[in-house]
PDB file of N, CA and C in Angstrom:
ATOM      1  N   UNK A   1     -45.290  45.317   4.371  1.00  0.00           N
ATOM      2  CA  UNK A   1     -44.890  43.956   4.265  1.00  0.00           C
ATOM      3  C   UNK A   1     -44.156  43.771   2.961  1.00  0.00           C
ATOM      4  N   UNK A   2     -43.151  42.955   2.992  1.00  0.00           N
ATOM      5  CA  UNK A   2     -42.338  42.794   1.809  1.00  0.00           C
ATOM      6  C   UNK A   2     -42.778  41.640   0.935  1.00  0.00           C
ATOM      7  N   UNK A   3     -43.274  40.596   1.485  1.00  0.00           N
ATOM      8  CA  UNK A   3     -43.844  39.564   0.667  1.00  0.00           C
ATOM      9  C   UNK A   3     -43.067  38.282   0.510  1.00  0.00           C
ATOM     10  N   UNK A   4     -41.900  38.147   1.070  1.00  0.00           N
ATOM     11  CA  UNK A   4     -41.160  36.912   0.858  1.00  0.00           C
ATOM     12  C   UNK A   4     -40.978  36.093   2.136  1.00  0.00           C
ATOM     13  N   UNK A   5     -41.516  36.553   3.248  1.00  0.00           N
ATOM     14  CA  UNK A   5     -41.420  35.793   4.491  1.00  0.00           C
ATOM     15  C   UNK A   5     -42.688  34.953   4.671  1.00  0.00           C
ATOM     16  N   UNK A   6     -42.580  33.833   5.381  1.00  0.00           N
ATOM     17  CA  UNK A   6     -43.791  33.061   5.670  1.00  0.00           C
ATOM     18  C   UNK A   6     -44.687  33.831   6.643  1.00  0.00           C
ATOM     19  N   UNK A   7     -45.949  33.502   6.644  1.00  0.00           N
ATOM     20  CA  UNK A   7     -46.923  34.176   7.494  1.00  0.00           C
ATOM     21  C   UNK A   7     -46.519  34.105   8.968  1.00  0.00           C
ATOM     22  N   UNK A   8     -45.905  33.009   9.375  1.00  0.00           N
ATOM     23  CA  UNK A   8     -45.494  32.852  10.777  1.00  0.00           C
ATOM     24  C   UNK A   8     -44.487  33.921  11.193  1.00  0.00           C
ATOM     25  N   UNK A   9     -43.635  34.376  10.270  1.00  0.00           N
ATOM     26  CA  UNK A   9     -42.659  35.426  10.592  1.00  0.00           C
ATOM     27  C   UNK A   9     -43.364  36.745  10.881  1.00  0.00           C
ATOM     28  N   UNK A  10     -44.404  37.048  10.134  1.00  0.00           N
ATOM     29  CA  UNK A  10     -45.157  38.282  10.377  1.00  0.00           C
ATOM     30  C   UNK A  10     -45.940  38.179  11.678  1.00  0.00           C
ATOM     31  N   UNK A  11     -46.450  37.008  11.965  1.00  0.00           N
ATOM     32  CA  UNK A  11     -47.172  36.815  13.224  1.00  0.00           C
ATOM     33  C   UNK A  11     -46.246  37.079  14.407  1.00  0.00           C
ATOM     34  N   UNK A  12     -45.016  36.545  14.348  1.00  0.00           N
ATOM     35  CA  UNK A  12     -44.051  36.758  15.436  1.00  0.00           C
ATOM     36  C   UNK A  12     -43.698  38.240  15.586  1.00  0.00           C
ATOM     37  N   UNK A  13     -43.693  38.979  14.485  1.00  0.00           N
ATOM     38  CA  UNK A  13     -43.300  40.391  14.522  1.00  0.00           C
ATOM     39  C   UNK A  13     -44.400  41.298  15.079  1.00  0.00           C
ATOM     40  N   UNK A  14     -45.620  40.801  15.113  1.00  0.00           N
ATOM     41  CA  UNK A  14     -46.735  41.627  15.588  1.00  0.00           C
ATOM     42  C   UNK A  14     -46.695  41.816  17.098  1.00  0.00           C
ATOM     43  N   UNK A  15     -47.165  42.974  17.542  1.00  0.00           N
ATOM     44  CA  UNK A  15     -47.379  43.200  18.967  1.00  0.00           C
ATOM     45  C   UNK A  15     -48.519  42.296  19.416  1.00  0.00           C
ATOM     46  N   UNK A  16     -48.707  42.118  20.732  1.00  0.00           N
ATOM     47  CA  UNK A  16     -49.749  41.198  21.208  1.00  0.00           C
ATOM     48  C   UNK A  16     -51.139  41.428  20.608  1.00  0.00           C
ATOM     49  N   UNK A  17     -51.544  42.654  20.392  1.00  0.00           N
ATOM     50  CA  UNK A  17     -52.851  42.929  19.794  1.00  0.00           C
ATOM     51  C   UNK A  17     -52.695  43.459  18.372  1.00  0.00           C
ATOM     52  N   UNK A  18     -51.603  43.066  17.709  1.00  0.00           N
ATOM     53  CA  UNK A  18     -51.292  43.587  16.380  1.00  0.00           C
ATOM     54  C   UNK A  18     -52.192  43.047  15.291  1.00  0.00           C
ATOM     55  N   UNK A  19     -52.134  43.715  14.158  1.00  0.00           N
ATOM     56  CA  UNK A  19     -52.957  43.346  13.007  1.00  0.00           C
ATOM     57  C   UNK A  19     -52.090  43.288  11.755  1.00  0.00           C
ATOM     58  N   UNK A  20     -52.172  42.191  11.034  1.00  0.00           N
ATOM     59  CA  UNK A  20     -51.475  41.985   9.768  1.00  0.00           C
ATOM     60  C   UNK A  20     -52.536  42.020   8.673  1.00  0.00           C
ATOM     61  N   UNK A  21     -52.313  42.850   7.661  1.00  0.00           N
ATOM     62  CA  UNK A  21     -53.240  42.917   6.530  1.00  0.00           C
ATOM     63  C   UNK A  21     -52.442  42.651   5.268  1.00  0.00           C
ATOM     64  N   UNK A  22     -52.788  41.579   4.585  1.00  0.00           N
ATOM     65  CA  UNK A  22     -52.136  41.234   3.317  1.00  0.00           C
ATOM     66  C   UNK A  22     -52.821  42.025   2.212  1.00  0.00           C
ATOM     67  N   UNK A  23     -52.024  42.821   1.503  1.00  0.00           N
ATOM     68  CA  UNK A  23     -52.532  43.613   0.389  1.00  0.00           C
ATOM     69  C   UNK A  23     -51.717  43.234  -0.833  1.00  0.00           C
ATOM     70  N   UNK A  24     -52.360  42.817  -1.865  1.00  0.00           N
ATOM     71  CA  UNK A  24     -51.640  42.476  -3.080  1.00  0.00           C
ATOM     72  C   UNK A  24     -51.921  41.065  -3.517  1.00  0.00           C
ATOM     73  N   UNK A  25     -51.054  40.576  -4.371  1.00  0.00           N
ATOM     74  CA  UNK A  25     -51.350  39.293  -4.996  1.00  0.00           C
ATOM     75  C   UNK A  25     -50.189  38.308  -4.931  1.00  0.00           C
ATOM     76  N   UNK A  26     -49.368  38.363  -3.922  1.00  0.00           N
ATOM     77  CA  UNK A  26     -48.314  37.368  -3.767  1.00  0.00           C
ATOM     78  C   UNK A  26     -48.984  36.016  -3.529  1.00  0.00           C
ATOM     79  N   UNK A  27     -48.817  35.087  -4.438  1.00  0.00           N
ATOM     80  CA  UNK A  27     -49.551  33.829  -4.404  1.00  0.00           C
ATOM     81  C   UNK A  27     -49.430  33.052  -3.116  1.00  0.00           C
ATOM     82  N   UNK A  28     -48.212  32.794  -2.661  1.00  0.00           N
ATOM     83  CA  UNK A  28     -48.003  31.983  -1.467  1.00  0.00           C
ATOM     84  C   UNK A  28     -48.572  32.667  -0.236  1.00  0.00           C
ATOM     85  N   UNK A  29     -48.277  33.956  -0.083  1.00  0.00           N
ATOM     86  CA  UNK A  29     -48.794  34.647   1.102  1.00  0.00           C
ATOM     87  C   UNK A  29     -50.302  34.783   1.066  1.00  0.00           C
ATOM     88  N   UNK A  30     -50.861  35.021  -0.104  1.00  0.00           N
ATOM     89  CA  UNK A  30     -52.317  35.110  -0.219  1.00  0.00           C
ATOM     90  C   UNK A  30     -52.935  33.784   0.221  1.00  0.00           C
ATOM     91  N   UNK A  31     -52.388  32.681  -0.261  1.00  0.00           N
ATOM     92  CA  UNK A  31     -52.873  31.357   0.123  1.00  0.00           C
ATOM     93  C   UNK A  31     -52.780  31.157   1.639  1.00  0.00           C
ATOM     94  N   UNK A  32     -51.619  31.487   2.210  1.00  0.00           N
ATOM     95  CA  UNK A  32     -51.425  31.308   3.654  1.00  0.00           C
ATOM     96  C   UNK A  32     -52.406  32.169   4.447  1.00  0.00           C
ATOM     97  N   UNK A  33     -52.562  33.418   4.038  1.00  0.00           N
ATOM     98  CA  UNK A  33     -53.429  34.327   4.790  1.00  0.00           C
ATOM     99  C   UNK A  33     -54.886  33.910   4.684  1.00  0.00           C
ATOM    100  N   UNK A  34     -55.306  33.495   3.490  1.00  0.00           N
ATOM    101  CA  UNK A  34     -56.691  33.043   3.315  1.00  0.00           C
ATOM    102  C   UNK A  34     -56.976  31.777   4.120  1.00  0.00           C
ATOM    103  N   UNK A  35     -56.023  30.851   4.132  1.00  0.00           N
ATOM    104  CA  UNK A  35     -56.255  29.561   4.774  1.00  0.00           C
ATOM    105  C   UNK A  35     -55.923  29.530   6.263  1.00  0.00           C
ATOM    106  N   UNK A  36     -54.865  30.194   6.672  1.00  0.00           N
ATOM    107  CA  UNK A  36     -54.437  30.121   8.066  1.00  0.00           C
ATOM    108  C   UNK A  36     -54.759  31.376   8.873  1.00  0.00           C
ATOM    109  N   UNK A  37     -54.978  32.492   8.189  1.00  0.00           N
ATOM    110  CA  UNK A  37     -55.283  33.750   8.868  1.00  0.00           C
ATOM    111  C   UNK A  37     -56.464  33.668   9.815  1.00  0.00           C
ATOM    112  N   UNK A  38     -57.617  33.124   9.375  1.00  0.00           N
ATOM    113  CA  UNK A  38     -58.762  33.025  10.289  1.00  0.00           C
ATOM    114  C   UNK A  38     -58.461  32.173  11.530  1.00  0.00           C
ATOM    115  N   UNK A  39     -57.711  31.089  11.359  1.00  0.00           N
ATOM    116  CA  UNK A  39     -57.346  30.240  12.495  1.00  0.00           C
ATOM    117  C   UNK A  39     -56.458  31.000  13.476  1.00  0.00           C
ATOM    118  N   UNK A  40     -55.455  31.716  12.955  1.00  0.00           N
ATOM    119  CA  UNK A  40     -54.557  32.497  13.816  1.00  0.00           C
ATOM    120  C   UNK A  40     -55.350  33.558  14.562  1.00  0.00           C
ATOM    121  N   UNK A  41     -56.277  34.224  13.847  1.00  0.00           N
ATOM    122  CA  UNK A  41     -57.084  35.272  14.469  1.00  0.00           C
ATOM    123  C   UNK A  41     -57.988  34.716  15.573  1.00  0.00           C
ATOM    124  N   UNK A  42     -58.490  33.497  15.389  1.00  0.00           N
ATOM    125  CA  UNK A  42     -59.373  32.896  16.399  1.00  0.00           C
ATOM    126  C   UNK A  42     -58.609  32.392  17.613  1.00  0.00           C
ATOM    127  N   UNK A  43     -57.361  31.998  17.431  1.00  0.00           N
ATOM    128  CA  UNK A  43     -56.619  31.360  18.521  1.00  0.00           C
ATOM    129  C   UNK A  43     -55.633  32.292  19.224  1.00  0.00           C
ATOM    130  N   UNK A  44     -55.570  33.551  18.814  1.00  0.00           N
ATOM    131  CA  UNK A  44     -54.679  34.498  19.484  1.00  0.00           C
ATOM    132  C   UNK A  44     -55.309  35.883  19.429  1.00  0.00           C
ATOM    133  N   UNK A  45     -54.662  36.831  20.065  1.00  0.00           N
ATOM    134  CA  UNK A  45     -55.147  38.212  20.013  1.00  0.00           C
ATOM    135  C   UNK A  45     -54.636  38.936  18.779  1.00  0.00           C
ATOM    136  N   UNK A  46     -53.814  38.253  17.999  1.00  0.00           N
ATOM    137  CA  UNK A  46     -53.281  38.823  16.768  1.00  0.00           C
ATOM    138  C   UNK A  46     -54.277  38.572  15.637  1.00  0.00           C
ATOM    139  N   UNK A  47     -54.381  39.530  14.744  1.00  0.00           N
ATOM    140  CA  UNK A  47     -55.355  39.432  13.663  1.00  0.00           C
ATOM    141  C   UNK A  47     -54.642  39.343  12.314  1.00  0.00           C
ATOM    142  N   UNK A  48     -55.041  38.391  11.502  1.00  0.00           N
ATOM    143  CA  UNK A  48     -54.450  38.179  10.176  1.00  0.00           C
ATOM    144  C   UNK A  48     -55.564  38.239   9.147  1.00  0.00           C
ATOM    145  N   UNK A  49     -55.499  39.226   8.230  1.00  0.00           N
ATOM    146  CA  UNK A  49     -56.566  39.414   7.246  1.00  0.00           C
ATOM    147  C   UNK A  49     -56.013  39.693   5.860  1.00  0.00           C
ATOM    148  N   UNK A  50     -56.922  39.661   4.890  1.00  0.00           N
ATOM    149  CA  UNK A  50     -56.623  40.025   3.510  1.00  0.00           C
ATOM    150  C   UNK A  50     -57.399  41.271   3.135  1.00  0.00           C
ATOM    151  N   UNK A  51     -56.841  42.072   2.274  1.00  0.00           N
ATOM    152  CA  UNK A  51     -57.551  43.210   1.709  1.00  0.00           C
ATOM    153  C   UNK A  51     -57.361  43.135   0.202  1.00  0.00           C
ATOM    154  N   UNK A  52     -58.407  42.737  -0.475  1.00  0.00           N
ATOM    155  CA  UNK A  52     -58.357  42.617  -1.930  1.00  0.00           C
ATOM    156  C   UNK A  52     -59.367  43.579  -2.529  1.00  0.00           C
ATOM    157  N   UNK A  53     -58.890  44.596  -3.172  1.00  0.00           N
ATOM    158  CA  UNK A  53     -59.777  45.532  -3.836  1.00  0.00           C
ATOM    159  C   UNK A  53     -59.006  46.296  -4.891  1.00  0.00           C
ATOM    160  N   UNK A  54     -59.732  46.873  -5.797  1.00  0.00           N
ATOM    161  CA  UNK A  54     -59.112  47.689  -6.830  1.00  0.00           C
ATOM    162  C   UNK A  54     -59.078  49.141  -6.366  1.00  0.00           C
ATOM    163  N   UNK A  55     -58.001  49.803  -6.709  1.00  0.00           N
ATOM    164  CA  UNK A  55     -57.893  51.220  -6.365  1.00  0.00           C
ATOM    165  C   UNK A  55     -58.893  52.007  -7.200  1.00  0.00           C
ATOM    166  N   UNK A  56     -59.493  53.006  -6.576  1.00  0.00           N
ATOM    167  CA  UNK A  56     -60.374  53.897  -7.329  1.00  0.00           C
ATOM    168  C   UNK A  56     -59.819  55.311  -7.232  1.00  0.00           C
ATOM    169  N   UNK A  57     -60.379  56.222  -7.986  1.00  0.00           N
ATOM    170  CA  UNK A  57     -59.830  57.573  -8.051  1.00  0.00           C
ATOM    171  C   UNK A  57     -59.813  58.256  -6.686  1.00  0.00           C
ATOM    172  N   UNK A  58     -60.870  58.087  -5.894  1.00  0.00           N
ATOM    173  CA  UNK A  58     -60.906  58.729  -4.568  1.00  0.00           C
ATOM    174  C   UNK A  58     -59.800  58.199  -3.664  1.00  0.00           C
ATOM    175  N   UNK A  59     -59.553  56.888  -3.713  1.00  0.00           N
ATOM    176  CA  UNK A  59     -58.477  56.305  -2.910  1.00  0.00           C
ATOM    177  C   UNK A  59     -57.121  56.851  -3.327  1.00  0.00           C
ATOM    178  N   UNK A  60     -56.914  56.965  -4.639  1.00  0.00           N
ATOM    179  CA  UNK A  60     -55.630  57.463  -5.136  1.00  0.00           C
ATOM    180  C   UNK A  60     -55.424  58.934  -4.783  1.00  0.00           C
ATOM    181  N   UNK A  61     -56.479  59.722  -4.834  1.00  0.00           N
ATOM    182  CA  UNK A  61     -56.374  61.138  -4.436  1.00  0.00           C
ATOM    183  C   UNK A  61     -56.035  61.237  -2.949  1.00  0.00           C
ATOM    184  N   UNK A  62     -56.696  60.421  -2.131  1.00  0.00           N
ATOM    185  CA  UNK A  62     -56.428  60.420  -0.694  1.00  0.00           C
ATOM    186  C   UNK A  62     -54.982  60.000  -0.415  1.00  0.00           C
ATOM    187  N   UNK A  63     -54.524  58.967  -1.096  1.00  0.00           N
ATOM    188  CA  UNK A  63     -53.144  58.517  -0.945  1.00  0.00           C
ATOM    189  C   UNK A  63     -52.164  59.607  -1.352  1.00  0.00           C
ATOM    190  N   UNK A  64     -52.453  60.295  -2.445  1.00  0.00           N
ATOM    191  CA  UNK A  64     -51.620  61.419  -2.908  1.00  0.00           C
ATOM    192  C   UNK A  64     -51.529  62.495  -1.826  1.00  0.00           C
ATOM    193  N   UNK A  65     -52.666  62.821  -1.201  1.00  0.00           N
ATOM    194  CA  UNK A  65     -52.669  63.836  -0.142  1.00  0.00           C
ATOM    195  C   UNK A  65     -51.842  63.390   1.064  1.00  0.00           C
ATOM    196  N   UNK A  66     -51.947  62.125   1.435  1.00  0.00           N
ATOM    197  CA  UNK A  66     -51.147  61.617   2.552  1.00  0.00           C
ATOM    198  C   UNK A  66     -49.659  61.724   2.251  1.00  0.00           C
ATOM    199  N   UNK A  67     -49.289  61.411   1.014  1.00  0.00           N
ATOM    200  CA  UNK A  67     -47.887  61.514   0.608  1.00  0.00           C
ATOM    201  C   UNK A  67     -47.419  62.965   0.622  1.00  0.00           C
ATOM    202  N   UNK A  68     -48.225  63.870   0.075  1.00  0.00           N
ATOM    203  CA  UNK A  68     -47.857  65.287   0.026  1.00  0.00           C
ATOM    204  C   UNK A  68     -47.738  65.895   1.422  1.00  0.00           C
ATOM    205  N   UNK A  69     -48.609  65.458   2.336  1.00  0.00           N
ATOM    206  CA  UNK A  69     -48.576  65.969   3.713  1.00  0.00           C
ATOM    207  C   UNK A  69     -47.530  65.246   4.569  1.00  0.00           C
ATOM    208  N   UNK A  70     -46.807  64.316   3.951  1.00  0.00           N
ATOM    209  CA  UNK A  70     -45.774  63.532   4.615  1.00  0.00           C
ATOM    210  C   UNK A  70     -46.295  62.750   5.822  1.00  0.00           C
ATOM    211  N   UNK A  71     -47.559  62.330   5.739  1.00  0.00           N
ATOM    212  CA  UNK A  71     -48.126  61.484   6.782  1.00  0.00           C
ATOM    213  C   UNK A  71     -47.733  60.033   6.566  1.00  0.00           C
ATOM    214  N   UNK A  72     -47.406  59.697   5.339  1.00  0.00           N
ATOM    215  CA  UNK A  72     -46.828  58.400   5.028  1.00  0.00           C
ATOM    216  C   UNK A  72     -45.639  58.637   4.118  1.00  0.00           C
ATOM    217  N   UNK A  73     -44.701  57.723   4.161  1.00  0.00           N
ATOM    218  CA  UNK A  73     -43.499  57.872   3.352  1.00  0.00           C
ATOM    219  C   UNK A  73     -43.150  56.518   2.742  1.00  0.00           C
ATOM    220  N   UNK A  74     -43.032  56.454   1.424  1.00  0.00           N
ATOM    221  CA  UNK A  74     -42.663  55.177   0.815  1.00  0.00           C
ATOM    222  C   UNK A  74     -41.229  54.812   1.180  1.00  0.00           C
ATOM    223  N   UNK A  75     -40.981  53.528   1.316  1.00  0.00           N
ATOM    224  CA  UNK A  75     -39.642  53.048   1.620  1.00  0.00           C
ATOM    225  C   UNK A  75     -38.993  52.646   0.299  1.00  0.00           C
ATOM    226  N   UNK A  76     -37.927  53.330  -0.048  1.00  0.00           N
ATOM    227  CA  UNK A  76     -37.211  53.044  -1.284  1.00  0.00           C
ATOM    228  C   UNK A  76     -35.926  52.328  -0.923  1.00  0.00           C
ATOM    229  N   UNK A  77     -35.791  51.116  -1.420  1.00  0.00           N
ATOM    230  CA  UNK A  77     -34.616  50.304  -1.139  1.00  0.00           C
ATOM    231  C   UNK A  77     -33.452  50.721  -2.031  1.00  0.00           C
ATOM    232  N   UNK A  78     -33.668  50.692  -3.338  1.00  0.00           N
ATOM    233  CA  UNK A  78     -32.604  51.033  -4.282  1.00  0.00           C
ATOM    234  C   UNK A  78     -33.180  51.730  -5.502  1.00  0.00           C
ATOM    235  N   UNK A  79     -32.325  52.523  -6.138  1.00  0.00           N
ATOM    236  CA  UNK A  79     -32.685  53.204  -7.389  1.00  0.00           C
ATOM    237  C   UNK A  79     -31.738  52.741  -8.489  1.00  0.00           C
ATOM    238  N   UNK A  80     -32.304  52.517  -9.664  1.00  0.00           N
ATOM    239  CA  UNK A  80     -31.515  52.117 -10.824  1.00  0.00           C
ATOM    240  C   UNK A  80     -31.857  53.034 -11.993  1.00  0.00           C
ATOM    241  N   UNK A  81     -30.897  53.261 -12.864  1.00  0.00           N
ATOM    242  CA  UNK A  81     -31.129  54.002 -14.101  1.00  0.00           C
ATOM    243  C   UNK A  81     -31.730  53.051 -15.117  1.00  0.00           C
ATOM    244  N   UNK A  82     -32.359  53.618 -16.147  1.00  0.00           N
ATOM    245  CA  UNK A  82     -33.028  52.803 -17.148  1.00  0.00           C
ATOM    246  C   UNK A  82     -32.095  51.792 -17.802  1.00  0.00           C
ATOM    247  N   UNK A  83     -30.829  52.148 -17.952  1.00  0.00           N
ATOM    248  CA  UNK A  83     -29.894  51.208 -18.569  1.00  0.00           C
ATOM    249  C   UNK A  83     -29.428  50.114 -17.593  1.00  0.00           C
ATOM    250  N   UNK A  84     -29.919  50.142 -16.349  1.00  0.00           N
ATOM    251  CA  UNK A  84     -29.577  49.137 -15.345  1.00  0.00           C
ATOM    252  C   UNK A  84     -30.780  48.250 -14.997  1.00  0.00           C
ATOM    253  N   UNK A  85     -31.749  48.185 -15.903  1.00  0.00           N
ATOM    254  CA  UNK A  85     -32.985  47.447 -15.638  1.00  0.00           C
ATOM    255  C   UNK A  85     -32.714  45.981 -15.311  1.00  0.00           C
ATOM    256  N   UNK A  86     -31.810  45.355 -16.037  1.00  0.00           N
ATOM    257  CA  UNK A  86     -31.518  43.945 -15.766  1.00  0.00           C
ATOM    258  C   UNK A  86     -30.985  43.747 -14.349  1.00  0.00           C
ATOM    259  N   UNK A  87     -30.111  44.632 -13.912  1.00  0.00           N
ATOM    260  CA  UNK A  87     -29.593  44.550 -12.540  1.00  0.00           C
ATOM    261  C   UNK A  87     -30.715  44.735 -11.527  1.00  0.00           C
ATOM    262  N   UNK A  88     -31.620  45.682 -11.816  1.00  0.00           N
ATOM    263  CA  UNK A  88     -32.741  45.947 -10.909  1.00  0.00           C
ATOM    264  C   UNK A  88     -33.628  44.707 -10.773  1.00  0.00           C
ATOM    265  N   UNK A  89     -33.956  44.090 -11.896  1.00  0.00           N
ATOM    266  CA  UNK A  89     -34.790  42.887 -11.851  1.00  0.00           C
ATOM    267  C   UNK A  89     -34.071  41.731 -11.157  1.00  0.00           C
ATOM    268  N   UNK A  90     -32.792  41.612 -11.376  1.00  0.00           N
ATOM    269  CA  UNK A  90     -32.014  40.564 -10.700  1.00  0.00           C
ATOM    270  C   UNK A  90     -32.077  40.770  -9.181  1.00  0.00           C
ATOM    271  N   UNK A  91     -31.845  42.008  -8.755  1.00  0.00           N
ATOM    272  CA  UNK A  91     -31.894  42.321  -7.323  1.00  0.00           C
ATOM    273  C   UNK A  91     -33.282  42.032  -6.743  1.00  0.00           C
ATOM    274  N   UNK A  92     -34.313  42.478  -7.446  1.00  0.00           N
ATOM    275  CA  UNK A  92     -35.681  42.268  -6.982  1.00  0.00           C
ATOM    276  C   UNK A  92     -36.012  40.781  -6.904  1.00  0.00           C
ATOM    277  N   UNK A  93     -35.572  40.021  -7.899  1.00  0.00           N
ATOM    278  CA  UNK A  93     -35.857  38.588  -7.947  1.00  0.00           C
ATOM    279  C   UNK A  93     -35.177  37.824  -6.816  1.00  0.00           C
ATOM    280  N   UNK A  94     -34.094  38.331  -6.277  1.00  0.00           N
ATOM    281  CA  UNK A  94     -33.422  37.673  -5.148  1.00  0.00           C
ATOM    282  C   UNK A  94     -34.319  37.627  -3.918  1.00  0.00           C
ATOM    283  N   UNK A  95     -35.293  38.538  -3.840  1.00  0.00           N
ATOM    284  CA  UNK A  95     -36.239  38.531  -2.731  1.00  0.00           C
ATOM    285  C   UNK A  95     -35.763  39.203  -1.471  1.00  0.00           C
ATOM    286  N   UNK A  96     -34.740  40.047  -1.561  1.00  0.00           N
ATOM    287  CA  UNK A  96     -34.203  40.685  -0.362  1.00  0.00           C
ATOM    288  C   UNK A  96     -34.508  42.173  -0.265  1.00  0.00           C
ATOM    289  N   UNK A  97     -35.258  42.702  -1.229  1.00  0.00           N
ATOM    290  CA  UNK A  97     -35.567  44.138  -1.210  1.00  0.00           C
ATOM    291  C   UNK A  97     -36.358  44.476   0.061  1.00  0.00           C
ATOM    292  N   UNK A  98     -35.952  45.535   0.727  1.00  0.00           N
ATOM    293  CA  UNK A  98     -36.608  45.979   1.956  1.00  0.00           C
ATOM    294  C   UNK A  98     -37.551  47.142   1.701  1.00  0.00           C
ATOM    295  N   UNK A  99     -37.791  47.450   0.459  1.00  0.00           N
ATOM    296  CA  UNK A  99     -38.688  48.531   0.057  1.00  0.00           C
ATOM    297  C   UNK A  99     -38.841  48.483  -1.446  1.00  0.00           C
ATOM    298  N   UNK A 100     -39.243  49.587  -2.016  1.00  0.00           N
ATOM    299  CA  UNK A 100     -39.455  49.656  -3.454  1.00  0.00           C
ATOM    300  C   UNK A 100     -38.127  49.735  -4.205  1.00  0.00           C
ATOM    301  N   UNK A 101     -38.080  49.085  -5.331  1.00  0.00           N
ATOM    302  CA  UNK A 101     -36.935  49.164  -6.235  1.00  0.00           C
ATOM    303  C   UNK A 101     -37.366  50.087  -7.377  1.00  0.00           C
ATOM    304  N   UNK A 102     -36.671  51.207  -7.520  1.00  0.00           N
ATOM    305  CA  UNK A 102     -37.065  52.276  -8.444  1.00  0.00           C
ATOM    306  C   UNK A 102     -36.188  52.242  -9.686  1.00  0.00           C
ATOM    307  N   UNK A 103     -36.829  52.379 -10.844  1.00  0.00           N
ATOM    308  CA  UNK A 103     -36.114  52.528 -12.110  1.00  0.00           C
ATOM    309  C   UNK A 103     -36.386  53.927 -12.612  1.00  0.00           C
ATOM    310  N   UNK A 104     -35.326  54.722 -12.731  1.00  0.00           N
ATOM    311  CA  UNK A 104     -35.446  56.130 -13.152  1.00  0.00           C
ATOM    312  C   UNK A 104     -35.312  56.216 -14.656  1.00  0.00           C
ATOM    313  N   UNK A 105     -36.285  56.866 -15.275  1.00  0.00           N
ATOM    314  CA  UNK A 105     -36.276  57.040 -16.736  1.00  0.00           C
ATOM    315  C   UNK A 105     -35.825  58.442 -17.056  1.00  0.00           C
TER     316      UNK A 105
END
């Protein structure tokens, strides 16, 4: 999930028995998911939930293994050099990034 669409857009994108899990701290989406997610889950076959937790070492090791085994792949939208940081932040702030915005040092 990218974080700049309203919860209703993610609901429409889900398959009939799909599940949306909000991970992170985007204020507006967190508010929407906490307040409207249970109602959406009760009134349809689609499930809307939050996952709020801190990463621990075991989780990070497991994630590292998934990445190394290519079972998951991060989506990188754009890469910027360190001297292009302002451009990177400008692009990110526009809210149109479709993946991670990388700054190479």
